[in-house]
Protein backbone atom coordinates (compact mmCIF):
# COMPACT_ATOMS: atom_id res chain seq x y z
CA MET A 1 -72.42 17.75 -108.50
CA ILE A 2 -75.22 17.38 -111.03
CA ASP A 3 -77.25 20.49 -111.78
CA THR A 4 -80.94 19.57 -111.47
CA LYS A 5 -82.01 22.26 -113.97
CA ARG A 6 -79.40 21.68 -116.64
CA LYS A 7 -79.62 19.51 -119.78
CA TYR A 8 -76.53 17.39 -120.50
CA SER A 9 -75.26 16.00 -123.82
CA ILE A 10 -74.39 12.32 -124.29
CA SER A 11 -70.66 13.14 -124.27
CA GLU A 12 -71.02 14.97 -120.92
CA VAL A 13 -73.01 12.06 -119.44
CA SER A 14 -70.28 9.70 -120.69
CA GLU A 15 -67.73 11.69 -118.66
CA ILE A 16 -69.99 11.86 -115.58
CA THR A 17 -70.94 8.15 -115.49
CA GLY A 18 -67.76 6.63 -116.94
CA TYR A 19 -69.77 4.73 -119.60
CA PRO A 20 -68.71 5.17 -123.25
CA GLN A 21 -71.35 6.76 -125.53
CA HIS A 22 -72.11 3.50 -127.36
CA VAL A 23 -72.81 1.82 -123.98
CA LEU A 24 -75.20 4.64 -123.03
CA ARG A 25 -77.06 4.11 -126.34
CA PHE A 26 -77.15 0.36 -125.72
CA TYR A 27 -78.45 0.79 -122.16
CA GLU A 28 -81.19 3.11 -123.43
CA LYS A 29 -82.62 0.13 -125.37
CA GLU A 30 -81.56 -2.60 -122.90
CA PHE A 31 -83.21 -0.96 -119.87
CA LYS A 32 -85.93 0.90 -121.84
CA LEU A 33 -84.79 4.28 -120.56
CA ASN A 34 -86.88 7.23 -121.75
CA ILE A 35 -84.12 9.59 -122.83
CA PRO A 36 -85.63 12.91 -123.93
CA ARG A 37 -84.78 14.39 -127.35
CA THR A 38 -84.52 17.89 -128.75
CA LYS A 39 -86.56 19.08 -131.72
CA SER A 40 -83.61 18.13 -133.95
CA ASN A 41 -83.77 14.58 -132.43
CA HIS A 42 -80.56 14.85 -130.33
CA ARG A 43 -80.47 13.12 -126.95
CA TYR A 44 -80.22 15.17 -123.80
CA TYR A 45 -80.08 14.02 -120.21
CA THR A 46 -81.50 15.59 -117.07
CA TYR A 47 -80.40 14.73 -113.53
CA LYS A 48 -83.16 12.05 -113.45
CA GLU A 49 -81.68 10.06 -116.35
CA ILE A 50 -78.13 10.48 -115.01
CA GLU A 51 -79.24 9.27 -111.54
CA LYS A 52 -80.88 6.22 -113.15
CA ILE A 53 -77.70 5.40 -115.11
CA ASN A 54 -75.61 5.80 -111.94
CA TYR A 55 -78.08 3.50 -110.14
CA ILE A 56 -77.64 0.87 -112.89
CA LYS A 57 -73.85 1.17 -112.48
CA GLU A 58 -74.17 0.76 -108.69
CA LEU A 59 -76.30 -2.38 -109.12
CA GLN A 60 -73.78 -3.82 -111.62
CA ASN A 61 -70.96 -3.17 -109.15
CA LYS A 62 -72.94 -5.12 -106.54
CA GLY A 63 -73.00 -8.12 -108.90
CA PHE A 64 -76.53 -7.90 -110.33
CA THR A 65 -77.06 -9.10 -113.91
CA ASN A 66 -78.81 -6.93 -116.51
CA LYS A 67 -81.87 -9.19 -116.27
CA GLN A 68 -82.06 -8.68 -112.50
CA ILE A 69 -81.52 -4.93 -112.89
CA LYS A 70 -84.45 -4.78 -115.34
CA ILE A 71 -86.70 -6.40 -112.72
CA ILE A 72 -85.51 -3.90 -110.10
CA LEU A 73 -86.02 -0.95 -112.45
CA ASN A 74 -89.51 -2.17 -113.42
CA SER A 75 -90.65 -2.42 -109.79
CA PRO A 76 -93.29 0.26 -109.03
CA GLU A 77 -92.05 3.61 -107.76
CA GLU A 78 -93.81 6.55 -106.18
CA LEU A 79 -92.62 10.11 -106.51
CA ILE A 80 -92.68 11.75 -103.10
CA PRO A 81 -92.50 15.54 -103.18
CA ASN A 82 -89.71 17.07 -101.11
CA SER A 83 -89.01 20.70 -100.31
CA HIS A 84 -86.73 21.25 -103.38
CA ASP A 85 -86.76 18.07 -105.50
CA GLU A 86 -88.54 14.74 -105.94
CA THR A 87 -87.13 11.52 -104.55
CA ALA A 88 -88.07 8.13 -106.06
CA ILE A 89 -88.74 5.33 -103.59
CA THR A 90 -89.93 1.81 -104.20
CA SER A 91 -93.58 1.39 -103.37
CA VAL A 92 -94.63 -1.19 -100.79
CA THR A 93 -97.83 -1.92 -102.70
CA PHE A 94 -96.91 -4.25 -105.55
CA GLN A 95 -99.08 -4.80 -108.59
CA SER A 96 -99.80 -8.39 -109.67
CA ASN A 97 -97.52 -8.02 -112.73
CA ASP A 98 -94.59 -6.96 -110.55
CA ILE A 99 -95.24 -9.84 -108.12
CA SER A 100 -95.13 -12.31 -111.01
CA ASN A 101 -91.83 -10.69 -112.16
CA GLY A 102 -90.47 -11.17 -108.64
CA LYS A 103 -91.68 -14.77 -108.57
CA ASN A 104 -90.09 -15.40 -111.98
CA PHE A 105 -86.85 -13.95 -110.67
CA ILE A 106 -86.97 -16.22 -107.59
CA VAL A 107 -87.84 -19.29 -109.68
CA GLU A 108 -85.02 -18.52 -112.10
CA PHE A 109 -82.60 -18.03 -109.20
CA GLN A 110 -83.70 -21.34 -107.60
CA ASN A 111 -83.33 -23.16 -110.93
CA ASN A 112 -79.84 -21.73 -111.45
CA LEU A 113 -78.91 -22.69 -107.89
CA LEU A 114 -80.28 -26.22 -108.35
CA GLU A 115 -78.35 -26.58 -111.63
CA LYS A 116 -75.14 -25.51 -109.89
CA ILE A 117 -75.77 -27.94 -107.01
CA GLN A 118 -76.53 -30.76 -109.49
CA GLU A 119 -73.34 -29.97 -111.44
CA THR A 120 -71.32 -30.06 -108.21
CA LEU A 121 -72.95 -33.35 -107.13
CA ASN A 122 -72.34 -34.87 -110.57
CA GLN A 123 -68.72 -33.74 -110.44
CA ASN A 124 -68.38 -35.22 -106.94
CA ASN A 125 -69.95 -38.50 -108.14
CA ILE A 126 -67.49 -38.63 -111.04
CA ASN A 127 -64.62 -37.96 -108.60
CA ASN A 128 -65.94 -40.64 -106.19
CA ILE A 129 -66.24 -43.18 -109.02
CA GLU A 130 -62.66 -42.40 -110.07
CA ILE A 131 -61.47 -42.83 -106.46
CA LEU A 132 -63.35 -46.15 -106.18
CA LYS A 133 -61.80 -47.35 -109.46
CA GLU A 134 -58.34 -46.43 -108.18
CA LEU A 135 -59.02 -48.24 -104.89
CA LYS A 136 -60.26 -51.32 -106.75
CA THR A 137 -57.10 -51.32 -108.88
CA GLU A 138 -54.93 -50.99 -105.76
CA ILE A 139 -56.81 -53.85 -104.06
CA GLU A 140 -56.33 -56.05 -107.15
CA GLN A 141 -52.61 -55.21 -107.19
CA LEU A 142 -52.33 -56.04 -103.48
CA LYS A 143 -54.13 -59.36 -104.00
CA HIS A 144 -51.76 -60.13 -106.87
CA GLU A 145 -48.74 -59.19 -104.75
CA ILE A 146 -50.00 -61.34 -101.84
CA LYS A 147 -50.52 -64.28 -104.18
CA ASN A 148 -47.03 -63.78 -105.59
CA LYS A 149 -45.57 -63.55 -102.09
CA GLU A 150 -47.46 -66.65 -100.99
CA ARG A 151 -46.20 -68.46 -104.07
CA ASP A 152 -42.66 -67.22 -103.41
CA VAL A 153 -42.93 -68.37 -99.77
CA LEU A 154 -44.20 -71.78 -100.91
CA ILE A 155 -41.38 -72.03 -103.47
CA CYS A 156 -38.84 -71.12 -100.76
CA GLU A 157 -40.34 -73.62 -98.31
CA ASN A 158 -40.36 -76.27 -101.02
CA ALA A 159 -36.73 -75.52 -101.86
CA LYS A 160 -35.81 -75.74 -98.14
CA LEU A 161 -37.61 -79.06 -97.83
CA LYS A 162 -35.80 -80.36 -100.92
CA MET A 163 -32.48 -79.23 -99.44
CA LYS A 164 -33.28 -80.97 -96.13
CA LEU A 165 -34.35 -84.07 -98.04
CA LYS A 166 -31.04 -84.06 -99.92
CA GLU A 167 -29.15 -83.53 -96.69
CA LYS A 168 -31.01 -86.43 -95.10
CA SER A 169 -30.42 -88.62 -98.16
CA TYR A 170 -26.69 -87.78 -97.94
CA GLU A 171 -26.74 -88.60 -94.24
CA VAL A 172 -28.51 -91.89 -94.99
CA ALA A 173 -25.98 -92.65 -97.75
CA GLU A 174 -23.12 -91.86 -95.39
CA LEU A 175 -24.63 -94.03 -92.68
CA LYS A 176 -25.08 -96.88 -95.18
CA GLU A 177 -21.49 -96.45 -96.30
CA LYS A 178 -20.29 -96.40 -92.70
CA LEU A 179 -22.38 -99.46 -91.87
CA LYS A 180 -21.00 -101.23 -94.93
CA ARG A 181 -17.43 -100.42 -93.89
CA GLU A 182 -18.10 -101.57 -90.37
CA ARG A 183 -19.56 -104.86 -91.64
CA GLU A 184 -16.56 -105.39 -93.88
CA ALA A 185 -14.28 -104.53 -90.99
CA ASN A 186 -16.12 -106.98 -88.79
CA LYS A 187 -15.87 -109.67 -91.48
CA SER A 188 -12.18 -109.16 -91.79
CA ILE A 189 -11.79 -109.35 -88.02
CA PHE A 190 -13.77 -112.61 -87.93
CA LYS A 191 -11.66 -113.96 -90.81
CA LYS A 192 -8.48 -113.12 -88.97
CA ILE A 193 -9.76 -114.69 -85.79
CA PHE A 194 -10.87 -117.88 -87.49
CA LYS A 195 -7.73 -118.11 -89.63
CA ARG A 196 -5.57 -118.16 -86.54
CA LYS A 197 -7.49 -121.05 -85.11
């Protein structure tokens, strides 16, 4: 529990917040924190500064960037008196400067989002082009294979036709030979018949 009346050293705040001392010094400049100093120029922290540092840590844990945290910290606040202490709440009435900061934040967020979407679309386009190239290559290979198969089929059919042609030519040759033998046989029969007479 933080004592609201006590002043803490940087080493004590380092233990309380979990931030190393050099980070606390860096955040003092980064977030323009008004850290009070002693007469001998040593930093000291009150509960207000510690609460602000813990708030920064909470925002970081929620995923906010330092730039976004600066915008949140620079939004107007009102101090509302309570019975024992003062509680800081964000004012509903924004000044024009704070509205422009909010608009800048929204514009920056939109631009980042658009960039991410464009990157994703570009990546998808590259992937689609690669897929189309692969498909085109596959189609070309299939066409080539079909042509080769058609050629092989034609070669086979041609070879079959040649074989049939040879078979037929052999059959014709055999028939011619048979016919020739029969003619010679017939001649010899006629010769025998006529010789007897």
